[in-house]
Amino acid sequence: MTEKIFDYMSNYGYEKILLFQNEDVGLRAVLAIHSTVLGPAAGGCRFWTYASDLDAMEDAMRLARGMTYKYAAAGVNLGGGKVVVIGDPKRKDREMLFRALGRFINKLRGEYLTGEDVGTTLQDMDYMRMETPYVITLSKASGGAGPIGGATAFGVLQAMKACAEETWGAGANLQGRKIVVQGLGAVGYPMVEYLVKEGAAVTIADIDAQKVAQVKNDFGVNAMDVRDIFSADADIYCPCALGGVVNDETLEQFRVKIICGSANNQLRAEKHGDALQQRGILYAPDYIANAGGTVFDTDRLWGGVNVERGMNKVSKIYERMKQVIDISKSQNIPTYLAADHIAEERIAQARAIKRIGGYNQSAPLTL
């Protein structure tokens, strides 16, 4: 974030940035609301250790904008927002921290809906639910859909299959393809499970040695050091950890034909998406590939939890990825720009019938 903060907000269409703090419980949080053109801003609650408050703000803003585009491209009537809590995600005493955050969010009266993200759990969401109804991701006991990592992984699988067909021809599948999965958390673990069932030759990497050992034992896959992941001799790189993995340092190391994973903000900058296209690497834009969890989770807002209906919506990511590829080829533009065109077209259509920042508060949301 090199621009002045208000210039940055103006250049990328942000509506507001809010700071929350409660010294009694050690809460320091940043909430970015990018857009409410399509509906209430929605996006997960991240709990992470940041080098500075500005880094936390930048992360919240980048993630919020990504959520706007994710929902728009997926055809979901929600806008984009994100809250990041600054602190140690391994902190044990969490109830009052997240209940305090829930109270702050409740004051927004539905302008922002939150959910689970990196560093937070369903229990954290249930704590917030004690103070506010504006929580999407909940345990099944609290009326939610429960864990959504599997739905996210299923969506990534659909995008990956679309990319495989484009790269290796109609009817191509993942059988025998060498796929490297980075990150073995809530999405990475079910991702490995799906890929093994598809018959792929999977190699895993994670900074957590215990997770690596568990996944090797559960699925009989190979493992490699995270420092070697970018130069791996593989067909597909599947990043399921944090963002920024396609950058100046990693770009020249890639030997894969496809990059398709669940991590947010995989491109450190737009120029890296341009470079991938120039090198003939097919990139599945992150907010297209990783939309499955949010599509599945938010489906209950319009009629309650229905697993079959929700997963059917997630399966459409295959068709959306094919659309992205078609636009990229017909307009000779990188896939990340093709995805942006899909999202921005829908946002523009919605803006034509609503004032900027407005949303239909009478929409049938089940909270």
Protein backbone atom coordinates (compact mmCIF):
# COMPACT_ATOMS: atom_id res chain seq x y z
CA MET A 1 0.00 0.00 0.00
CA THR A 2 2.18 2.82 -1.30
CA GLU A 3 -0.53 5.46 -1.76
CA LYS A 4 -1.99 7.61 0.96
CA ILE A 5 -4.81 5.72 2.65
CA PHE A 6 -7.71 7.79 1.27
CA ASP A 7 -6.20 7.79 -2.22
CA TYR A 8 -5.88 4.00 -1.99
CA MET A 9 -9.50 3.71 -0.89
CA SER A 10 -10.65 5.91 -3.74
CA ASN A 11 -8.55 4.15 -6.38
CA TYR A 12 -9.94 0.73 -5.46
CA GLY A 13 -13.47 1.67 -4.47
CA TYR A 14 -13.49 1.07 -0.71
CA GLU A 15 -16.37 2.36 1.37
CA LYS A 16 -14.95 2.38 4.90
CA ILE A 17 -12.23 1.17 7.25
CA LEU A 18 -13.06 0.68 10.95
CA LEU A 19 -10.71 0.11 13.88
CA PHE A 20 -11.87 -1.78 16.99
CA GLN A 21 -10.05 -2.02 20.30
CA ASN A 22 -10.82 -3.19 23.81
CA GLU A 23 -7.85 -3.14 26.14
CA ASP A 24 -9.62 -5.16 28.83
CA VAL A 25 -9.65 -8.28 26.64
CA GLY A 26 -6.70 -7.44 24.40
CA LEU A 27 -8.75 -6.84 21.25
CA ARG A 28 -7.23 -4.93 18.34
CA ALA A 29 -8.97 -5.38 15.02
CA VAL A 30 -9.38 -3.79 11.59
CA LEU A 31 -12.55 -4.11 9.54
CA ALA A 32 -12.49 -3.20 5.86
CA ILE A 33 -15.76 -2.84 3.97
CA HIS A 34 -15.05 -2.69 0.27
CA SER A 35 -18.54 -2.68 -1.22
CA THR A 36 -22.21 -3.08 -0.34
CA VAL A 37 -23.48 -2.59 -3.88
CA LEU A 38 -24.64 -6.18 -4.29
CA GLY A 39 -25.67 -6.68 -0.66
CA PRO A 40 -24.32 -6.57 2.90
CA ALA A 41 -20.55 -6.84 3.05
CA ALA A 42 -19.51 -10.36 4.02
CA GLY A 43 -16.17 -11.99 4.67
CA GLY A 44 -14.32 -13.99 7.27
CA CYS A 45 -12.60 -13.01 10.49
CA ARG A 46 -8.84 -13.60 10.36
CA PHE A 47 -6.70 -13.90 13.53
CA TRP A 48 -3.04 -13.35 12.76
CA THR A 49 0.23 -11.85 13.95
CA TYR A 50 1.19 -8.82 11.86
CA ALA A 51 4.47 -6.95 11.71
CA SER A 52 2.63 -3.63 12.02
CA ASP A 53 -0.85 -2.16 12.27
CA LEU A 54 -0.48 -0.93 8.68
CA ASP A 55 0.23 -4.48 7.51
CA ALA A 56 -2.96 -5.62 9.22
CA MET A 57 -4.94 -2.85 7.53
CA GLU A 58 -3.50 -3.70 4.13
CA ASP A 59 -4.35 -7.37 4.58
CA ALA A 60 -7.92 -6.55 5.60
CA MET A 61 -8.35 -4.25 2.61
CA ARG A 62 -6.93 -6.68 0.04
CA LEU A 63 -9.03 -9.51 1.41
CA ALA A 64 -12.21 -7.39 1.51
CA ARG A 65 -11.85 -6.39 -2.13
CA GLY A 66 -11.26 -10.02 -3.01
CA MET A 67 -14.53 -10.94 -1.30
CA THR A 68 -16.44 -8.38 -3.36
CA TYR A 69 -15.12 -9.93 -6.56
CA LYS A 70 -15.60 -13.47 -5.26
CA TYR A 71 -19.29 -12.98 -4.52
CA ALA A 72 -19.90 -10.98 -7.69
CA ALA A 73 -18.27 -13.58 -9.94
CA ALA A 74 -20.12 -16.40 -8.15
CA GLY A 75 -23.50 -14.68 -8.56
CA VAL A 76 -24.05 -14.26 -4.81
CA ASN A 77 -25.89 -11.13 -3.67
CA LEU A 78 -23.34 -10.02 -1.09
CA GLY A 79 -20.62 -7.40 -0.99
CA GLY A 80 -17.09 -7.71 0.29
CA GLY A 81 -15.68 -7.15 3.76
CA LYS A 82 -13.03 -8.59 6.04
CA VAL A 83 -12.02 -8.23 9.66
CA VAL A 84 -8.55 -9.07 10.94
CA VAL A 85 -7.77 -9.48 14.61
CA ILE A 86 -4.19 -8.65 15.50
CA GLY A 87 -2.63 -11.17 17.88
CA ASP A 88 -1.42 -14.71 18.39
CA PRO A 89 -3.82 -17.14 16.67
CA LYS A 90 -2.74 -19.82 19.19
CA ARG A 91 -4.09 -17.76 22.09
CA LYS A 92 -6.14 -19.95 24.44
CA ASP A 93 -8.45 -17.51 26.28
CA ARG A 94 -10.63 -16.50 23.33
CA GLU A 95 -14.22 -16.21 24.50
CA MET A 96 -14.23 -12.61 25.72
CA LEU A 97 -12.00 -11.48 22.86
CA PHE A 98 -14.48 -12.68 20.24
CA ARG A 99 -17.54 -11.69 22.22
CA ALA A 100 -16.13 -8.14 22.36
CA LEU A 101 -15.58 -8.24 18.60
CA GLY A 102 -19.13 -9.52 18.17
CA ARG A 103 -20.46 -6.49 20.04
CA PHE A 104 -18.60 -4.12 17.73
CA ILE A 105 -19.90 -5.93 14.66
CA ASN A 106 -23.44 -5.86 16.05
CA LYS A 107 -23.34 -2.05 16.11
CA LEU A 108 -23.15 -2.10 12.30
CA ARG A 109 -26.68 -3.59 12.21
CA GLY A 110 -26.07 -6.04 9.41
CA GLU A 111 -23.87 -3.94 7.16
CA TYR A 112 -21.14 -6.55 7.67
CA LEU A 113 -21.55 -10.34 8.10
CA THR A 114 -18.58 -12.30 9.41
CA GLY A 115 -17.39 -15.89 9.39
CA GLU A 116 -14.47 -18.26 9.93
CA ASP A 117 -11.08 -17.62 8.34
CA VAL A 118 -7.38 -18.25 8.89
CA GLY A 119 -6.61 -18.43 12.60
CA THR A 120 -10.23 -18.61 13.75
CA THR A 121 -12.52 -21.54 14.54
CA LEU A 122 -16.20 -22.40 14.63
CA GLN A 123 -16.01 -22.00 18.40
CA ASP A 124 -14.84 -18.40 17.91
CA MET A 125 -17.83 -17.83 15.63
CA ASP A 126 -20.18 -19.27 18.24
CA TYR A 127 -18.68 -16.86 20.80
CA MET A 128 -19.44 -13.92 18.51
CA ARG A 129 -22.92 -15.28 17.92
CA MET A 130 -23.59 -14.74 21.63
CA GLU A 131 -23.40 -11.00 20.96
CA THR A 132 -24.60 -10.59 17.38
CA PRO A 133 -26.78 -12.41 14.83
CA TYR A 134 -24.51 -11.24 12.00
CA VAL A 135 -22.32 -14.35 11.86
CA ILE A 136 -22.55 -16.62 8.83
CA THR A 137 -20.19 -19.49 9.65
CA LEU A 138 -21.52 -21.40 12.64
CA SER A 139 -21.32 -24.90 14.05
CA LYS A 140 -24.21 -27.22 13.23
CA ALA A 141 -25.24 -27.05 16.89
CA SER A 142 -25.72 -23.28 16.49
CA GLY A 143 -27.74 -23.60 13.30
CA GLY A 144 -24.94 -23.24 10.78
CA ALA A 145 -23.52 -25.49 8.08
CA GLY A 146 -20.51 -26.52 10.16
CA PRO A 147 -16.97 -26.81 8.72
CA ILE A 148 -16.71 -25.42 5.18
CA GLY A 149 -13.13 -26.40 4.27
CA GLY A 150 -14.37 -29.42 2.36
CA ALA A 151 -16.69 -27.27 0.23
CA THR A 152 -13.81 -24.91 -0.55
CA ALA A 153 -11.63 -27.85 -1.59
CA PHE A 154 -14.43 -29.25 -3.77
CA GLY A 155 -14.67 -25.91 -5.54
CA VAL A 156 -10.91 -25.82 -6.14
CA LEU A 157 -11.18 -29.31 -7.60
CA GLN A 158 -13.80 -28.09 -10.09
CA ALA A 159 -11.59 -25.20 -11.19
CA MET A 160 -8.60 -27.54 -11.46
CA LYS A 161 -10.52 -29.94 -13.69
CA ALA A 162 -11.49 -27.07 -16.00
CA CYS A 163 -7.84 -26.01 -16.19
CA ALA A 164 -6.74 -29.60 -16.87
CA GLU A 165 -9.12 -29.87 -19.82
CA GLU A 166 -7.84 -26.61 -21.25
CA THR A 167 -4.21 -27.66 -20.82
CA TRP A 168 -4.31 -31.31 -21.87
CA GLY A 169 -7.39 -31.49 -24.05
CA ALA A 170 -11.08 -32.34 -23.81
CA GLY A 171 -11.76 -35.24 -21.50
CA ALA A 172 -8.51 -34.76 -19.61
CA ASN A 173 -8.64 -35.57 -15.91
CA LEU A 174 -6.28 -35.52 -12.95
CA GLN A 175 -5.39 -39.23 -13.10
CA GLY A 176 -1.62 -39.56 -12.78
CA ARG A 177 -1.01 -35.81 -12.74
CA LYS A 178 1.76 -34.68 -10.42
CA ILE A 179 0.22 -32.15 -8.04
CA VAL A 180 1.95 -30.29 -5.23
CA VAL A 181 -0.30 -29.11 -2.38
CA GLN A 182 1.09 -26.39 -0.11
CA GLY A 183 -0.72 -25.97 3.21
CA LEU A 184 -2.57 -28.76 5.02
CA GLY A 185 -5.13 -26.89 7.07
CA ALA A 186 -8.91 -26.79 6.86
CA VAL A 187 -8.82 -26.74 3.04
CA GLY A 188 -5.50 -28.40 2.26
CA TYR A 189 -6.37 -31.64 4.06
CA PRO A 190 -9.64 -32.32 2.18
CA MET A 191 -7.92 -31.10 -0.99
CA VAL A 192 -5.37 -33.89 -0.69
CA GLU A 193 -8.18 -36.37 -0.05
CA TYR A 194 -10.03 -35.30 -3.20
CA LEU A 195 -6.89 -35.44 -5.33
CA VAL A 196 -5.92 -38.89 -4.10
CA LYS A 197 -9.40 -40.14 -4.99
CA GLU A 198 -8.92 -38.64 -8.46
CA GLY A 199 -5.79 -40.74 -8.87
CA ALA A 200 -3.32 -37.86 -8.84
CA ALA A 201 0.29 -38.26 -7.70
CA VAL A 202 0.24 -35.88 -4.74
CA THR A 203 3.17 -34.29 -2.95
CA ILE A 204 2.55 -32.16 0.15
CA ALA A 205 4.35 -29.38 2.01
CA ASP A 206 3.59 -27.45 5.19
CA ILE A 207 5.56 -25.57 7.83
CA ASP A 208 3.86 -27.75 10.47
CA ALA A 209 5.72 -31.07 10.63
CA GLN A 210 2.90 -32.72 12.58
CA LYS A 211 0.38 -31.94 9.84
CA VAL A 212 2.75 -33.33 7.22
CA ALA A 213 3.20 -36.55 9.19
CA GLN A 214 -0.55 -36.95 9.65
CA VAL A 215 -1.42 -36.42 5.99
CA LYS A 216 1.37 -38.77 4.86
CA ASN A 217 0.02 -41.41 7.19
CA ASP A 218 -3.62 -40.87 6.20
CA PHE A 219 -3.18 -40.83 2.42
CA GLY A 220 0.22 -42.35 1.66
CA VAL A 221 1.44 -39.28 -0.23
CA ASN A 222 4.97 -37.91 -0.61
CA ALA A 223 6.26 -34.80 1.16
CA MET A 224 8.82 -32.13 0.41
CA ASP A 225 10.34 -29.13 2.13
CA VAL A 226 8.31 -25.93 1.77
CA ARG A 227 11.47 -24.19 0.52
CA ASP A 228 11.49 -26.44 -2.55
CA ILE A 229 7.81 -26.19 -3.36
CA PHE A 230 8.03 -23.53 -6.05
CA SER A 231 10.62 -25.34 -8.16
CA ALA A 232 8.96 -28.76 -7.85
CA ASP A 233 8.82 -30.93 -10.96
CA ALA A 234 5.04 -31.12 -11.16
CA ASP A 235 2.06 -30.51 -13.42
CA ILE A 236 -0.01 -28.45 -10.99
CA TYR A 237 0.83 -26.26 -8.02
CA CYS A 238 -2.03 -26.02 -5.50
CA PRO A 239 -1.39 -23.26 -2.90
CA CYS A 240 -3.67 -23.66 0.13
CA ALA A 241 -1.79 -21.53 2.68
CA LEU A 242 -1.32 -17.75 2.81
CA GLY A 243 -1.19 -15.39 -0.18
CA GLY A 244 1.53 -13.66 -2.16
CA VAL A 245 3.05 -16.95 -3.35
CA VAL A 246 3.42 -15.75 -6.95
CA ASN A 247 6.01 -13.01 -6.66
CA ASP A 248 9.35 -11.80 -8.01
CA GLU A 249 11.28 -14.52 -6.20
CA THR A 250 9.07 -17.50 -7.03
CA LEU A 251 8.01 -16.63 -10.56
CA GLU A 252 11.13 -17.89 -12.31
CA GLN A 253 11.15 -21.11 -10.29
CA PHE A 254 7.79 -22.49 -11.42
CA ARG A 255 7.92 -25.56 -13.67
CA VAL A 256 4.21 -26.35 -13.54
CA LYS A 257 1.55 -25.87 -16.22
CA ILE A 258 -1.28 -24.88 -13.86
CA ILE A 259 -1.55 -22.90 -10.61
CA CYS A 260 -4.89 -23.56 -8.90
CA GLY A 261 -5.44 -23.44 -5.14
CA SER A 262 -7.45 -22.01 -2.29
CA ALA A 263 -5.09 -19.34 -0.95
CA ASN A 264 -6.32 -15.75 -1.18
CA ASN A 265 -4.35 -13.07 -3.05
CA GLN A 266 -1.93 -15.53 -4.65
CA LEU A 267 -0.56 -12.85 -6.98
CA ARG A 268 1.66 -10.45 -5.07
CA ALA A 269 0.96 -7.89 -7.79
CA GLU A 270 -0.95 -7.80 -11.07
CA LYS A 271 2.30 -7.92 -13.06
CA HIS A 272 2.81 -11.44 -11.78
CA GLY A 273 -0.44 -12.54 -13.38
CA ASP A 274 0.77 -11.03 -16.65
CA ALA A 275 4.05 -12.91 -16.29
CA LEU A 276 2.30 -16.24 -15.73
CA GLN A 277 0.41 -15.84 -19.00
CA GLN A 278 3.62 -14.95 -20.82
CA ARG A 279 5.24 -18.11 -19.49
CA GLY A 280 2.31 -20.28 -20.56
CA ILE A 281 1.19 -21.13 -17.01
CA LEU A 282 -2.59 -21.28 -16.64
CA TYR A 283 -3.61 -19.48 -13.45
CA ALA A 284 -6.99 -20.12 -11.85
CA PRO A 285 -7.85 -16.75 -10.24
CA ASP A 286 -8.04 -17.35 -6.51
CA TYR A 287 -11.46 -15.88 -5.91
CA ILE A 288 -12.89 -18.04 -8.68
CA ALA A 289 -11.28 -21.27 -7.48
CA ASN A 290 -11.73 -20.78 -3.73
CA ALA A 291 -15.32 -19.53 -3.72
CA GLY A 292 -16.77 -22.91 -2.77
CA GLY A 293 -16.70 -22.43 0.99
CA THR A 294 -18.39 -19.05 0.93
CA VAL A 295 -20.90 -20.13 -1.70
CA PHE A 296 -21.83 -23.18 0.38
CA ASP A 297 -21.83 -21.30 3.68
CA THR A 298 -23.87 -18.29 2.57
CA ASP A 299 -26.43 -20.47 0.79
CA ARG A 300 -28.23 -20.92 4.11
CA LEU A 301 -28.98 -17.17 4.23
CA TRP A 302 -31.62 -17.75 1.58
CA GLY A 303 -33.53 -20.70 2.98
CA GLY A 304 -31.58 -22.44 5.72
CA VAL A 305 -28.94 -25.17 5.55
CA ASN A 306 -29.36 -27.55 2.60
CA VAL A 307 -26.18 -29.50 1.84
CA GLU A 308 -27.27 -30.82 -1.56
CA ARG A 309 -28.38 -27.41 -2.79
CA GLY A 310 -25.25 -25.72 -1.45
CA MET A 311 -22.82 -28.22 -2.99
CA ASN A 312 -24.66 -28.05 -6.30
CA LYS A 313 -23.93 -24.33 -6.36
CA VAL A 314 -20.28 -25.04 -5.58
CA SER A 315 -20.04 -27.44 -8.54
CA LYS A 316 -20.77 -24.53 -10.89
CA ILE A 317 -17.24 -23.25 -10.27
CA TYR A 318 -16.23 -25.60 -13.09
CA GLU A 319 -18.42 -23.68 -15.54
CA ARG A 320 -17.26 -20.32 -14.20
CA MET A 321 -13.61 -21.28 -14.63
CA LYS A 322 -14.32 -22.35 -18.21
CA GLN A 323 -15.93 -18.94 -18.78
CA VAL A 324 -12.83 -17.22 -17.42
CA ILE A 325 -10.62 -19.23 -19.77
CA ASP A 326 -12.84 -18.43 -22.76
CA ILE A 327 -12.73 -14.68 -22.05
CA SER A 328 -8.96 -14.83 -21.52
CA LYS A 329 -8.47 -16.51 -24.90
CA SER A 330 -10.96 -14.42 -26.88
CA GLN A 331 -9.65 -11.10 -25.54
CA ASN A 332 -6.02 -12.21 -25.22
CA ILE A 333 -5.82 -11.10 -21.60
CA PRO A 334 -4.55 -12.87 -18.46
CA THR A 335 -7.08 -14.96 -16.57
CA TYR A 336 -7.02 -12.68 -13.53
CA LEU A 337 -8.28 -9.82 -15.72
CA ALA A 338 -10.89 -12.07 -17.32
CA ALA A 339 -12.21 -12.93 -13.87
CA ASP A 340 -12.25 -9.25 -12.92
CA HIS A 341 -14.35 -8.49 -16.01
CA ILE A 342 -16.98 -11.01 -14.94
CA ALA A 343 -17.17 -9.58 -11.42
CA GLU A 344 -17.07 -5.92 -12.46
CA GLU A 345 -19.80 -6.39 -15.05
CA ARG A 346 -22.18 -7.74 -12.42
CA ILE A 347 -21.26 -5.00 -9.94
CA ALA A 348 -21.89 -2.36 -12.61
CA GLN A 349 -25.29 -3.85 -13.38
CA ALA A 350 -26.22 -3.78 -9.69
CA ARG A 351 -24.94 -0.23 -9.30
CA ALA A 352 -27.29 0.87 -12.06
CA ILE A 353 -30.30 0.00 -9.88
CA LYS A 354 -28.95 0.91 -6.46
CA ARG A 355 -27.14 3.82 -4.94
CA ILE A 356 -23.52 3.17 -4.07
CA GLY A 357 -23.36 1.77 -0.54
CA GLY A 358 -27.03 0.82 -0.46
CA TYR A 359 -28.40 -2.70 -0.13
CA ASN A 360 -31.80 -4.25 0.23
CA GLN A 361 -32.24 -4.79 3.96
CA SER A 362 -35.53 -6.59 3.32
CA ALA A 363 -33.77 -9.39 1.39
CA PRO A 364 -34.65 -12.79 2.91
CA LEU A 365 -31.53 -13.46 4.96
CA THR A 366 -31.79 -16.22 7.55
CA LEU A 367 -29.42 -15.31 10.38
